[in-house]
Amino acid sequence: MTYVDGFVSAVPTANKEAYRRHAERVGAVFRDYGALSVVECWGDDVPEGDITSLHKAVLRKEHETICLSWVTWPDKQTRDEALMKVFTDPRMRAGQGGAPYDGKRLIRGGFEVLTTS
């Protein structure tokens, strides 16, 4: 059964192009280790809620944009076996500045797919 890793982050709006380049590089690494797809989305209609919101979840600061990403895998075993390889791949260190966002505020989770339409 397909497995999905999901991510929500706050990226400085001025870093949009750097984020796009980072996402393309990282996406290629994930695909090389078995990911079926890697999707990166730049928020343009993300409302702030009174009680909960993506803004509150990632502690978005002024001049940051919410980004939503997901990686699909054939199954959890493939994902589990790939992750150590992904994060030790030298291409993940390319660019030497690290990710163009605050990784401490990144939210991630792994999900078993229940249904698709």
PDB file of N, CA and C in Angstrom:
ATOM      1  N   MET A   1       0.843  -1.184   0.000  1.00  0.00           N
ATOM      2  CA  MET A   1       0.000   0.000   0.000  1.00  0.00           C
ATOM      3  C   MET A   1       0.883   1.241   0.000  1.00  0.00           C
ATOM      4  N   THR A   2       0.533   2.224  -0.789  1.00  0.00           N
ATOM      5  CA  THR A   2       1.295   3.465  -0.899  1.00  0.00           C
ATOM      6  C   THR A   2       1.445   4.130   0.465  1.00  0.00           C
ATOM      7  N   TYR A   3       2.601   4.752   0.668  1.00  0.00           N
ATOM      8  CA  TYR A   3       2.908   5.452   1.905  1.00  0.00           C
ATOM      9  C   TYR A   3       3.277   6.886   1.558  1.00  0.00           C
ATOM     10  N   VAL A   4       2.905   7.838   2.418  1.00  0.00           N
ATOM     11  CA  VAL A   4       3.147   9.256   2.145  1.00  0.00           C
ATOM     12  C   VAL A   4       3.833   9.902   3.334  1.00  0.00           C
ATOM     13  N   ASP A   5       4.891  10.664   3.065  1.00  0.00           N
ATOM     14  CA  ASP A   5       5.490  11.556   4.056  1.00  0.00           C
ATOM     15  C   ASP A   5       4.978  12.947   3.738  1.00  0.00           C
ATOM     16  N   GLY A   6       4.446  13.649   4.745  1.00  0.00           N
ATOM     17  CA  GLY A   6       3.926  14.996   4.548  1.00  0.00           C
ATOM     18  C   GLY A   6       4.712  16.006   5.354  1.00  0.00           C
ATOM     19  N   PHE A   7       4.816  17.223   4.827  1.00  0.00           N
ATOM     20  CA  PHE A   7       5.610  18.282   5.454  1.00  0.00           C
ATOM     21  C   PHE A   7       4.890  19.625   5.327  1.00  0.00           C
ATOM     22  N   VAL A   8       4.956  20.427   6.377  1.00  0.00           N
ATOM     23  CA  VAL A   8       4.487  21.809   6.338  1.00  0.00           C
ATOM     24  C   VAL A   8       5.619  22.655   6.900  1.00  0.00           C
ATOM     25  N   SER A   9       5.926  23.745   6.201  1.00  0.00           N
ATOM     26  CA  SER A   9       7.013  24.610   6.655  1.00  0.00           C
ATOM     27  C   SER A   9       6.672  26.065   6.380  1.00  0.00           C
ATOM     28  N   ALA A  10       7.416  26.946   7.025  1.00  0.00           N
ATOM     29  CA  ALA A  10       7.320  28.382   6.776  1.00  0.00           C
ATOM     30  C   ALA A  10       8.634  28.807   6.139  1.00  0.00           C
ATOM     31  N   VAL A  11       8.544  29.373   4.949  1.00  0.00           N
ATOM     32  CA  VAL A  11       9.742  29.739   4.186  1.00  0.00           C
ATOM     33  C   VAL A  11       9.747  31.255   3.996  1.00  0.00           C
ATOM     34  N   PRO A  12      10.873  31.922   4.262  1.00  0.00           N
ATOM     35  CA  PRO A  12      10.925  33.350   3.979  1.00  0.00           C
ATOM     36  C   PRO A  12      10.516  33.605   2.521  1.00  0.00           C
ATOM     37  N   THR A  13       9.560  34.486   2.342  1.00  0.00           N
ATOM     38  CA  THR A  13       9.028  34.750   1.008  1.00  0.00           C
ATOM     39  C   THR A  13      10.135  35.148   0.039  1.00  0.00           C
ATOM     40  N   ALA A  14      11.128  35.858   0.510  1.00  0.00           N
ATOM     41  CA  ALA A  14      12.242  36.267  -0.342  1.00  0.00           C
ATOM     42  C   ALA A  14      13.080  35.075  -0.808  1.00  0.00           C
ATOM     43  N   ASN A  15      12.930  33.918  -0.173  1.00  0.00           N
ATOM     44  CA  ASN A  15      13.706  32.724  -0.523  1.00  0.00           C
ATOM     45  C   ASN A  15      12.964  31.788  -1.470  1.00  0.00           C
ATOM     46  N   LYS A  16      11.923  32.267  -2.124  1.00  0.00           N
ATOM     47  CA  LYS A  16      11.115  31.377  -2.972  1.00  0.00           C
ATOM     48  C   LYS A  16      11.965  30.660  -4.019  1.00  0.00           C
ATOM     49  N   GLU A  17      12.793  31.365  -4.724  1.00  0.00           N
ATOM     50  CA  GLU A  17      13.609  30.739  -5.771  1.00  0.00           C
ATOM     51  C   GLU A  17      14.638  29.779  -5.171  1.00  0.00           C
ATOM     52  N   ALA A  18      15.252  30.155  -4.066  1.00  0.00           N
ATOM     53  CA  ALA A  18      16.202  29.249  -3.393  1.00  0.00           C
ATOM     54  C   ALA A  18      15.478  27.994  -2.914  1.00  0.00           C
ATOM     55  N   TYR A  19      14.260  28.154  -2.426  1.00  0.00           N
ATOM     56  CA  TYR A  19      13.468  27.000  -1.984  1.00  0.00           C
ATOM     57  C   TYR A  19      13.148  26.095  -3.173  1.00  0.00           C
ATOM     58  N   ARG A  20      12.778  26.683  -4.301  1.00  0.00           N
ATOM     59  CA  ARG A  20      12.475  25.892  -5.500  1.00  0.00           C
ATOM     60  C   ARG A  20      13.696  25.076  -5.923  1.00  0.00           C
ATOM     61  N   ARG A  21      14.873  25.705  -5.944  1.00  0.00           N
ATOM     62  CA  ARG A  21      16.103  24.983  -6.311  1.00  0.00           C
ATOM     63  C   ARG A  21      16.408  23.870  -5.308  1.00  0.00           C
ATOM     64  N   HIS A  22      16.271  24.175  -4.029  1.00  0.00           N
ATOM     65  CA  HIS A  22      16.485  23.186  -2.964  1.00  0.00           C
ATOM     66  C   HIS A  22      15.517  22.019  -3.149  1.00  0.00           C
ATOM     67  N   ALA A  23      14.262  22.313  -3.400  1.00  0.00           N
ATOM     68  CA  ALA A  23      13.238  21.272  -3.557  1.00  0.00           C
ATOM     69  C   ALA A  23      13.533  20.384  -4.765  1.00  0.00           C
ATOM     70  N   GLU A  24      13.984  20.966  -5.850  1.00  0.00           N
ATOM     71  CA  GLU A  24      14.322  20.164  -7.038  1.00  0.00           C
ATOM     72  C   GLU A  24      15.492  19.225  -6.744  1.00  0.00           C
ATOM     73  N   ARG A  25      16.508  19.733  -6.068  1.00  0.00           N
ATOM     74  CA  ARG A  25      17.676  18.911  -5.736  1.00  0.00           C
ATOM     75  C   ARG A  25      17.297  17.778  -4.786  1.00  0.00           C
ATOM     76  N   VAL A  26      16.580  18.111  -3.732  1.00  0.00           N
ATOM     77  CA  VAL A  26      16.181  17.118  -2.735  1.00  0.00           C
ATOM     78  C   VAL A  26      15.202  16.112  -3.344  1.00  0.00           C
ATOM     79  N   GLY A  27      14.290  16.584  -4.184  1.00  0.00           N
ATOM     80  CA  GLY A  27      13.332  15.690  -4.830  1.00  0.00           C
ATOM     81  C   GLY A  27      14.013  14.637  -5.676  1.00  0.00           C
ATOM     82  N   ALA A  28      15.061  15.017  -6.377  1.00  0.00           N
ATOM     83  CA  ALA A  28      15.799  14.054  -7.202  1.00  0.00           C
ATOM     84  C   ALA A  28      16.432  12.968  -6.335  1.00  0.00           C
ATOM     85  N   VAL A  29      16.925  13.358  -5.169  1.00  0.00           N
ATOM     86  CA  VAL A  29      17.531  12.379  -4.260  1.00  0.00           C
ATOM     87  C   VAL A  29      16.461  11.397  -3.777  1.00  0.00           C
ATOM     88  N   PHE A  30      15.324  11.897  -3.346  1.00  0.00           N
ATOM     89  CA  PHE A  30      14.240  11.024  -2.894  1.00  0.00           C
ATOM     90  C   PHE A  30      13.822  10.056  -4.005  1.00  0.00           C
ATOM     91  N   ARG A  31      13.676  10.549  -5.214  1.00  0.00           N
ATOM     92  CA  ARG A  31      13.266   9.684  -6.329  1.00  0.00           C
ATOM     93  C   ARG A  31      14.342   8.640  -6.627  1.00  0.00           C
ATOM     94  N   ASP A  32      15.613   9.008  -6.524  1.00  0.00           N
ATOM     95  CA  ASP A  32      16.684   8.039  -6.768  1.00  0.00           C
ATOM     96  C   ASP A  32      16.655   6.876  -5.781  1.00  0.00           C
ATOM     97  N   TYR A  33      16.070   7.100  -4.605  1.00  0.00           N
ATOM     98  CA  TYR A  33      16.002   6.046  -3.604  1.00  0.00           C
ATOM     99  C   TYR A  33      14.612   5.414  -3.504  1.00  0.00           C
ATOM    100  N   GLY A  34      13.783   5.612  -4.513  1.00  0.00           N
ATOM    101  CA  GLY A  34      12.528   4.876  -4.586  1.00  0.00           C
ATOM    102  C   GLY A  34      11.247   5.652  -4.433  1.00  0.00           C
ATOM    103  N   ALA A  35      11.305   6.950  -4.170  1.00  0.00           N
ATOM    104  CA  ALA A  35      10.068   7.719  -4.072  1.00  0.00           C
ATOM    105  C   ALA A  35       9.361   7.720  -5.425  1.00  0.00           C
ATOM    106  N   LEU A  36       8.052   7.598  -5.397  1.00  0.00           N
ATOM    107  CA  LEU A  36       7.263   7.631  -6.627  1.00  0.00           C
ATOM    108  C   LEU A  36       7.075   9.057  -7.126  1.00  0.00           C
ATOM    109  N   SER A  37       6.925   9.994  -6.189  1.00  0.00           N
ATOM    110  CA  SER A  37       6.768  11.400  -6.557  1.00  0.00           C
ATOM    111  C   SER A  37       7.134  12.272  -5.368  1.00  0.00           C
ATOM    112  N   VAL A  38       7.508  13.506  -5.681  1.00  0.00           N
ATOM    113  CA  VAL A  38       7.793  14.515  -4.664  1.00  0.00           C
ATOM    114  C   VAL A  38       7.084  15.785  -5.130  1.00  0.00           C
ATOM    115  N   VAL A  39       6.205  16.317  -4.285  1.00  0.00           N
ATOM    116  CA  VAL A  39       5.410  17.494  -4.641  1.00  0.00           C
ATOM    117  C   VAL A  39       5.724  18.611  -3.658  1.00  0.00           C
ATOM    118  N   GLU A  40       6.010  19.785  -4.191  1.00  0.00           N
ATOM    119  CA  GLU A  40       6.285  20.972  -3.381  1.00  0.00           C
ATOM    120  C   GLU A  40       5.271  22.045  -3.760  1.00  0.00           C
ATOM    121  N   CYS A  41       4.614  22.630  -2.773  1.00  0.00           N
ATOM    122  CA  CYS A  41       3.579  23.643  -3.018  1.00  0.00           C
ATOM    123  C   CYS A  41       3.901  24.921  -2.250  1.00  0.00           C
ATOM    124  N   TRP A  42       3.725  26.056  -2.927  1.00  0.00           N
ATOM    125  CA  TRP A  42       3.960  27.382  -2.345  1.00  0.00           C
ATOM    126  C   TRP A  42       2.595  27.985  -2.032  1.00  0.00           C
ATOM    127  N   GLY A  43       2.324  28.272  -0.772  1.00  0.00           N
ATOM    128  CA  GLY A  43       1.002  28.747  -0.360  1.00  0.00           C
ATOM    129  C   GLY A  43       0.624  30.081  -0.966  1.00  0.00           C
ATOM    130  N   ASP A  44      -0.627  30.161  -1.442  1.00  0.00           N
ATOM    131  CA  ASP A  44      -1.125  31.447  -1.923  1.00  0.00           C
ATOM    132  C   ASP A  44      -2.550  31.712  -1.441  1.00  0.00           C
ATOM    133  N   ASP A  45      -3.145  30.756  -0.730  1.00  0.00           N
ATOM    134  CA  ASP A  45      -4.479  30.940  -0.151  1.00  0.00           C
ATOM    135  C   ASP A  45      -4.560  30.105   1.117  1.00  0.00           C
ATOM    136  N   VAL A  46      -3.806  30.534   2.131  1.00  0.00           N
ATOM    137  CA  VAL A  46      -3.698  29.783   3.385  1.00  0.00           C
ATOM    138  C   VAL A  46      -4.222  30.686   4.502  1.00  0.00           C
ATOM    139  N   PRO A  47      -5.490  30.519   4.855  1.00  0.00           N
ATOM    140  CA  PRO A  47      -6.083  31.420   5.846  1.00  0.00           C
ATOM    141  C   PRO A  47      -5.527  31.197   7.250  1.00  0.00           C
ATOM    142  N   GLU A  48      -5.508  32.274   8.005  1.00  0.00           N
ATOM    143  CA  GLU A  48      -5.125  32.186   9.412  1.00  0.00           C
ATOM    144  C   GLU A  48      -6.386  31.927  10.216  1.00  0.00           C
ATOM    145  N   GLY A  49      -6.339  30.931  11.079  1.00  0.00           N
ATOM    146  CA  GLY A  49      -7.499  30.595  11.898  1.00  0.00           C
ATOM    147  C   GLY A  49      -7.439  31.259  13.256  1.00  0.00           C
ATOM    148  N   ASP A  50      -8.588  31.278  13.925  1.00  0.00           N
ATOM    149  CA  ASP A  50      -8.642  31.853  15.271  1.00  0.00           C
ATOM    150  C   ASP A  50      -8.093  30.880  16.308  1.00  0.00           C
ATOM    151  N   ILE A  51      -8.354  29.587  16.115  1.00  0.00           N
ATOM    152  CA  ILE A  51      -7.920  28.583  17.089  1.00  0.00           C
ATOM    153  C   ILE A  51      -6.747  27.768  16.555  1.00  0.00           C
ATOM    154  N   THR A  52      -6.881  27.259  15.334  1.00  0.00           N
ATOM    155  CA  THR A  52      -5.803  26.484  14.718  1.00  0.00           C
ATOM    156  C   THR A  52      -5.595  26.970  13.288  1.00  0.00           C
ATOM    157  N   SER A  53      -4.398  26.769  12.786  1.00  0.00           N
ATOM    158  CA  SER A  53      -4.088  27.084  11.393  1.00  0.00           C
ATOM    159  C   SER A  53      -2.690  26.566  11.087  1.00  0.00           C
ATOM    160  N   LEU A  54      -2.389  26.463   9.818  1.00  0.00           N
ATOM    161  CA  LEU A  54      -1.033  26.105   9.430  1.00  0.00           C
ATOM    162  C   LEU A  54      -0.054  27.185   9.880  1.00  0.00           C
ATOM    163  N   HIS A  55      -0.489  28.438   9.866  1.00  0.00           N
ATOM    164  CA  HIS A  55       0.357  29.545  10.321  1.00  0.00           C
ATOM    165  C   HIS A  55       0.799  29.320  11.768  1.00  0.00           C
ATOM    166  N   LYS A  56      -0.164  28.976  12.618  1.00  0.00           N
ATOM    167  CA  LYS A  56       0.145  28.750  14.034  1.00  0.00           C
ATOM    168  C   LYS A  56       0.989  27.489  14.217  1.00  0.00           C
ATOM    169  N   ALA A  57       0.710  26.472  13.428  1.00  0.00           N
ATOM    170  CA  ALA A  57       1.418  25.195  13.575  1.00  0.00           C
ATOM    171  C   ALA A  57       2.914  25.349  13.350  1.00  0.00           C
ATOM    172  N   VAL A  58       3.310  26.168  12.378  1.00  0.00           N
ATOM    173  CA  VAL A  58       4.736  26.328  12.067  1.00  0.00           C
ATOM    174  C   VAL A  58       5.308  27.644  12.603  1.00  0.00           C
ATOM    175  N   LEU A  59       4.508  28.340  13.409  1.00  0.00           N
ATOM    176  CA  LEU A  59       4.934  29.625  13.979  1.00  0.00           C
ATOM    177  C   LEU A  59       5.407  30.584  12.887  1.00  0.00           C
ATOM    178  N   ARG A  60       4.580  30.704  11.838  1.00  0.00           N
ATOM    179  CA  ARG A  60       4.927  31.571  10.705  1.00  0.00           C
ATOM    180  C   ARG A  60       5.157  33.005  11.171  1.00  0.00           C
ATOM    181  N   LYS A  61       6.238  33.560  10.668  1.00  0.00           N
ATOM    182  CA  LYS A  61       6.576  34.944  10.963  1.00  0.00           C
ATOM    183  C   LYS A  61       6.146  35.820   9.792  1.00  0.00           C
ATOM    184  N   GLU A  62       6.071  37.115  10.044  1.00  0.00           N
ATOM    185  CA  GLU A  62       5.773  38.064   8.973  1.00  0.00           C
ATOM    186  C   GLU A  62       6.810  37.876   7.872  1.00  0.00           C
ATOM    187  N   HIS A  63       6.405  37.986   6.651  1.00  0.00           N
ATOM    188  CA  HIS A  63       7.274  37.827   5.481  1.00  0.00           C
ATOM    189  C   HIS A  63       7.690  36.377   5.239  1.00  0.00           C
ATOM    190  N   GLU A  64       6.921  35.417   5.765  1.00  0.00           N
ATOM    191  CA  GLU A  64       7.133  34.004   5.449  1.00  0.00           C
ATOM    192  C   GLU A  64       5.885  33.472   4.749  1.00  0.00           C
ATOM    193  N   THR A  65       6.083  32.447   3.951  1.00  0.00           N
ATOM    194  CA  THR A  65       5.002  31.798   3.214  1.00  0.00           C
ATOM    195  C   THR A  65       4.916  30.349   3.668  1.00  0.00           C
ATOM    196  N   ILE A  66       3.695  29.840   3.801  1.00  0.00           N
ATOM    197  CA  ILE A  66       3.477  28.444   4.163  1.00  0.00           C
ATOM    198  C   ILE A  66       3.715  27.566   2.938  1.00  0.00           C
ATOM    199  N   CYS A  67       4.484  26.498   3.117  1.00  0.00           N
ATOM    200  CA  CYS A  67       4.722  25.530   2.052  1.00  0.00           C
ATOM    201  C   CYS A  67       4.232  24.155   2.502  1.00  0.00           C
ATOM    202  N   LEU A  68       3.649  23.436   1.571  1.00  0.00           N
ATOM    203  CA  LEU A  68       3.146  22.090   1.810  1.00  0.00           C
ATOM    204  C   LEU A  68       3.856  21.160   0.841  1.00  0.00           C
ATOM    205  N   SER A  69       4.365  20.055   1.343  1.00  0.00           N
ATOM    206  CA  SER A  69       5.112  19.112   0.515  1.00  0.00           C
ATOM    207  C   SER A  69       4.709  17.700   0.890  1.00  0.00           C
ATOM    208  N   TRP A  70       4.840  16.788  -0.084  1.00  0.00           N
ATOM    209  CA  TRP A  70       4.667  15.382   0.242  1.00  0.00           C
ATOM    210  C   TRP A  70       5.484  14.518  -0.694  1.00  0.00           C
ATOM    211  N   VAL A  71       5.869  13.369  -0.163  1.00  0.00           N
ATOM    212  CA  VAL A  71       6.630  12.370  -0.911  1.00  0.00           C
ATOM    213  C   VAL A  71       5.803  11.093  -0.884  1.00  0.00           C
ATOM    214  N   THR A  72       5.565  10.511  -2.049  1.00  0.00           N
ATOM    215  CA  THR A  72       4.844   9.237  -2.082  1.00  0.00           C
ATOM    216  C   THR A  72       5.840   8.114  -2.329  1.00  0.00           C
ATOM    217  N   TRP A  73       5.614   7.022  -1.641  1.00  0.00           N
ATOM    218  CA  TRP A  73       6.461   5.838  -1.700  1.00  0.00           C
ATOM    219  C   TRP A  73       5.604   4.635  -2.071  1.00  0.00           C
ATOM    220  N   PRO A  74       6.193   3.594  -2.643  1.00  0.00           N
ATOM    221  CA  PRO A  74       5.412   2.398  -2.957  1.00  0.00           C
ATOM    222  C   PRO A  74       4.828   1.753  -1.696  1.00  0.00           C
ATOM    223  N   ASP A  75       5.583   1.837  -0.572  1.00  0.00           N
ATOM    224  CA  ASP A  75       5.154   1.247   0.696  1.00  0.00           C
ATOM    225  C   ASP A  75       6.067   1.772   1.805  1.00  0.00           C
ATOM    226  N   LYS A  76       5.691   1.512   3.046  1.00  0.00           N
ATOM    227  CA  LYS A  76       6.455   2.020   4.190  1.00  0.00           C
ATOM    228  C   LYS A  76       7.844   1.388   4.259  1.00  0.00           C
ATOM    229  N   GLN A  77       7.958   0.129   3.906  1.00  0.00           N
ATOM    230  CA  GLN A  77       9.262  -0.535   3.962  1.00  0.00           C
ATOM    231  C   GLN A  77      10.254   0.154   3.024  1.00  0.00           C
ATOM    232  N   THR A  78       9.823   0.473   1.807  1.00  0.00           N
ATOM    233  CA  THR A  78      10.696   1.181   0.863  1.00  0.00           C
ATOM    234  C   THR A  78      11.115   2.514   1.450  1.00  0.00           C
ATOM    235  N   ARG A  79      10.167   3.221   2.034  1.00  0.00           N
ATOM    236  CA  ARG A  79      10.461   4.521   2.639  1.00  0.00           C
ATOM    237  C   ARG A  79      11.445   4.375   3.782  1.00  0.00           C
ATOM    238  N   ASP A  80      11.203   3.412   4.668  1.00  0.00           N
ATOM    239  CA  ASP A  80      12.087   3.225   5.814  1.00  0.00           C
ATOM    240  C   ASP A  80      13.515   2.891   5.374  1.00  0.00           C
ATOM    241  N   GLU A  81      13.644   2.046   4.374  1.00  0.00           N
ATOM    242  CA  GLU A  81      14.968   1.664   3.879  1.00  0.00           C
ATOM    243  C   GLU A  81      15.659   2.821   3.167  1.00  0.00           C
ATOM    244  N   ALA A  82      14.888   3.702   2.563  1.00  0.00           N
ATOM    245  CA  ALA A  82      15.455   4.810   1.788  1.00  0.00           C
ATOM    246  C   ALA A  82      15.907   5.980   2.650  1.00  0.00           C
ATOM    247  N   LEU A  83      15.234   6.229   3.764  1.00  0.00           N
ATOM    248  CA  LEU A  83      15.497   7.461   4.509  1.00  0.00           C
ATOM    249  C   LEU A  83      16.942   7.619   4.938  1.00  0.00           C
ATOM    250  N   MET A  84      17.572   6.599   5.467  1.00  0.00           N
ATOM    251  CA  MET A  84      18.969   6.734   5.888  1.00  0.00           C
ATOM    252  C   MET A  84      19.848   7.041   4.680  1.00  0.00           C
ATOM    253  N   LYS A  85      19.571   6.407   3.564  1.00  0.00           N
ATOM    254  CA  LYS A  85      20.348   6.665   2.345  1.00  0.00           C
ATOM    255  C   LYS A  85      20.130   8.093   1.860  1.00  0.00           C
ATOM    256  N   VAL A  86      18.884   8.556   1.907  1.00  0.00           N
ATOM    257  CA  VAL A  86      18.568   9.918   1.471  1.00  0.00           C
ATOM    258  C   VAL A  86      19.358  10.930   2.290  1.00  0.00           C
ATOM    259  N   PHE A  87      19.308  10.812   3.606  1.00  0.00           N
ATOM    260  CA  PHE A  87      19.903  11.837   4.458  1.00  0.00           C
ATOM    261  C   PHE A  87      21.415  11.733   4.588  1.00  0.00           C
ATOM    262  N   THR A  88      22.012  10.660   4.075  1.00  0.00           N
ATOM    263  CA  THR A  88      23.472  10.576   4.048  1.00  0.00           C
ATOM    264  C   THR A  88      24.019  10.789   2.636  1.00  0.00           C
ATOM    265  N   ASP A  89      23.138  10.999   1.670  1.00  0.00           N
ATOM    266  CA  ASP A  89      23.563  11.244   0.295  1.00  0.00           C
ATOM    267  C   ASP A  89      24.258  12.607   0.229  1.00  0.00           C
ATOM    268  N   PRO A  90      25.451  12.675  -0.390  1.00  0.00           N
ATOM    269  CA  PRO A  90      26.186  13.948  -0.455  1.00  0.00           C
ATOM    270  C   PRO A  90      25.419  15.071  -1.148  1.00  0.00           C
ATOM    271  N   ARG A  91      24.485  14.742  -2.021  1.00  0.00           N
ATOM    272  CA  ARG A  91      23.700  15.783  -2.703  1.00  0.00           C
ATOM    273  C   ARG A  91      22.810  16.549  -1.735  1.00  0.00           C
ATOM    274  N   MET A  92      22.512  15.955  -0.589  1.00  0.00           N
ATOM    275  CA  MET A  92      21.678  16.653   0.390  1.00  0.00           C
ATOM    276  C   MET A  92      22.441  17.802   1.046  1.00  0.00           C
ATOM    277  N   ARG A  93      23.764  17.772   0.960  1.00  0.00           N
ATOM    278  CA  ARG A  93      24.577  18.846   1.527  1.00  0.00           C
ATOM    279  C   ARG A  93      24.949  19.885   0.482  1.00  0.00           C
ATOM    280  N   ALA A  94      24.568  19.662  -0.758  1.00  0.00           N
ATOM    281  CA  ALA A  94      24.896  20.607  -1.823  1.00  0.00           C
ATOM    282  C   ALA A  94      24.305  21.968  -1.500  1.00  0.00           C
ATOM    283  N   GLY A  95      24.976  23.000  -1.923  1.00  0.00           N
ATOM    284  CA  GLY A  95      24.491  24.342  -1.656  1.00  0.00           C
ATOM    285  C   GLY A  95      25.037  24.896  -0.349  1.00  0.00           C
ATOM    286  N   GLN A  96      25.557  24.051   0.507  1.00  0.00           N
ATOM    287  CA  GLN A  96      26.254  24.375   1.744  1.00  0.00           C
ATOM    288  C   GLN A  96      25.541  25.350   2.665  1.00  0.00           C
ATOM    289  N   GLY A  97      24.504  26.001   2.269  1.00  0.00           N
ATOM    290  CA  GLY A  97      23.815  26.898   3.186  1.00  0.00           C
ATOM    291  C   GLY A  97      22.705  26.190   3.932  1.00  0.00           C
ATOM    292  N   GLY A  98      22.485  24.934   3.638  1.00  0.00           N
ATOM    293  CA  GLY A  98      21.376  24.225   4.249  1.00  0.00           C
ATOM    294  C   GLY A  98      20.069  24.595   3.583  1.00  0.00           C
ATOM    295  N   ALA A  99      19.007  24.211   4.208  1.00  0.00           N
ATOM    296  CA  ALA A  99      17.675  24.500   3.677  1.00  0.00           C
ATOM    297  C   ALA A  99      17.384  26.000   3.798  1.00  0.00           C
ATOM    298  N   PRO A 100      16.657  26.564   2.830  1.00  0.00           N
ATOM    299  CA  PRO A 100      16.354  28.004   2.869  1.00  0.00           C
ATOM    300  C   PRO A 100      15.149  28.328   3.760  1.00  0.00           C
ATOM    301  N   TYR A 101      15.025  27.626   4.877  1.00  0.00           N
ATOM    302  CA  TYR A 101      13.950  27.845   5.849  1.00  0.00           C
ATOM    303  C   TYR A 101      14.419  27.298   7.190  1.00  0.00           C
ATOM    304  N   ASP A 102      13.668  27.572   8.235  1.00  0.00           N
ATOM    305  CA  ASP A 102      14.004  27.109   9.582  1.00  0.00           C
ATOM    306  C   ASP A 102      13.468  25.697   9.780  1.00  0.00           C
ATOM    307  N   GLY A 103      14.340  24.711   9.679  1.00  0.00           N
ATOM    308  CA  GLY A 103      13.947  23.317   9.794  1.00  0.00           C
ATOM    309  C   GLY A 103      13.411  22.942  11.173  1.00  0.00           C
ATOM    310  N   LYS A 104      13.688  23.739  12.178  1.00  0.00           N
ATOM    311  CA  LYS A 104      13.173  23.453  13.518  1.00  0.00           C
ATOM    312  C   LYS A 104      11.663  23.637  13.591  1.00  0.00           C
ATOM    313  N   ARG A 105      11.111  24.419  12.650  1.00  0.00           N
ATOM    314  CA  ARG A 105       9.665  24.651  12.638  1.00  0.00           C
ATOM    315  C   ARG A 105       8.952  23.811  11.579  1.00  0.00           C
ATOM    316  N   LEU A 106       9.681  22.950  10.913  1.00  0.00           N
ATOM    317  CA  LEU A 106       9.099  22.039   9.930  1.00  0.00           C
ATOM    318  C   LEU A 106       8.258  20.989  10.663  1.00  0.00           C
ATOM    319  N   ILE A 107       7.085  20.722  10.149  1.00  0.00           N
ATOM    320  CA  ILE A 107       6.233  19.663  10.701  1.00  0.00           C
ATOM    321  C   ILE A 107       6.218  18.540   9.689  1.00  0.00           C
ATOM    322  N   ARG A 108       6.428  17.295  10.152  1.00  0.00           N
ATOM    323  CA  ARG A 108       6.434  16.160   9.236  1.00  0.00           C
ATOM    324  C   ARG A 108       5.721  14.991   9.871  1.00  0.00           C
ATOM    325  N   GLY A 109       5.249  14.111   9.012  1.00  0.00           N
ATOM    326  CA  GLY A 109       4.608  12.893   9.491  1.00  0.00           C
ATOM    327  C   GLY A 109       4.508  11.886   8.365  1.00  0.00           C
ATOM    328  N   GLY A 110       4.465  10.612   8.718  1.00  0.00           N
ATOM    329  CA  GLY A 110       4.293   9.540   7.757  1.00  0.00           C
ATOM    330  C   GLY A 110       2.871   9.017   7.836  1.00  0.00           C
ATOM    331  N   PHE A 111       2.297   8.715   6.668  1.00  0.00           N
ATOM    332  CA  PHE A 111       0.884   8.353   6.606  1.00  0.00           C
ATOM    333  C   PHE A 111       0.649   7.154   5.692  1.00  0.00           C
ATOM    334  N   GLU A 112      -0.141   6.234   6.183  1.00  0.00           N
ATOM    335  CA  GLU A 112      -0.612   5.122   5.375  1.00  0.00           C
ATOM    336  C   GLU A 112      -1.820   5.600   4.577  1.00  0.00           C
ATOM    337  N   VAL A 113      -1.828   5.362   3.284  1.00  0.00           N
ATOM    338  CA  VAL A 113      -2.940   5.801   2.440  1.00  0.00           C
ATOM    339  C   VAL A 113      -4.145   4.914   2.702  1.00  0.00           C
ATOM    340  N   LEU A 114      -5.295   5.537   3.001  1.00  0.00           N
ATOM    341  CA  LEU A 114      -6.525   4.783   3.223  1.00  0.00           C
ATOM    342  C   LEU A 114      -7.369   4.693   1.966  1.00  0.00           C
ATOM    343  N   THR A 115      -7.387   5.775   1.192  1.00  0.00           N
ATOM    344  CA  THR A 115      -8.203   5.806  -0.016  1.00  0.00           C
ATOM    345  C   THR A 115      -7.681   6.863  -0.956  1.00  0.00           C
ATOM    346  N   THR A 116      -7.910   6.700  -2.228  1.00  0.00           N
ATOM    347  CA  THR A 116      -7.598   7.730  -3.218  1.00  0.00           C
ATOM    348  C   THR A 116      -8.806   7.877  -4.146  1.00  0.00           C
ATOM    349  N   SER A 117      -8.934   9.031  -4.744  1.00  0.00           N
ATOM    350  CA  SER A 117     -10.056   9.288  -5.650  1.00  0.00           C
ATOM    351  C   SER A 117      -9.551   9.713  -7.011  1.00  0.00           C
TER     352      SER A 117
END
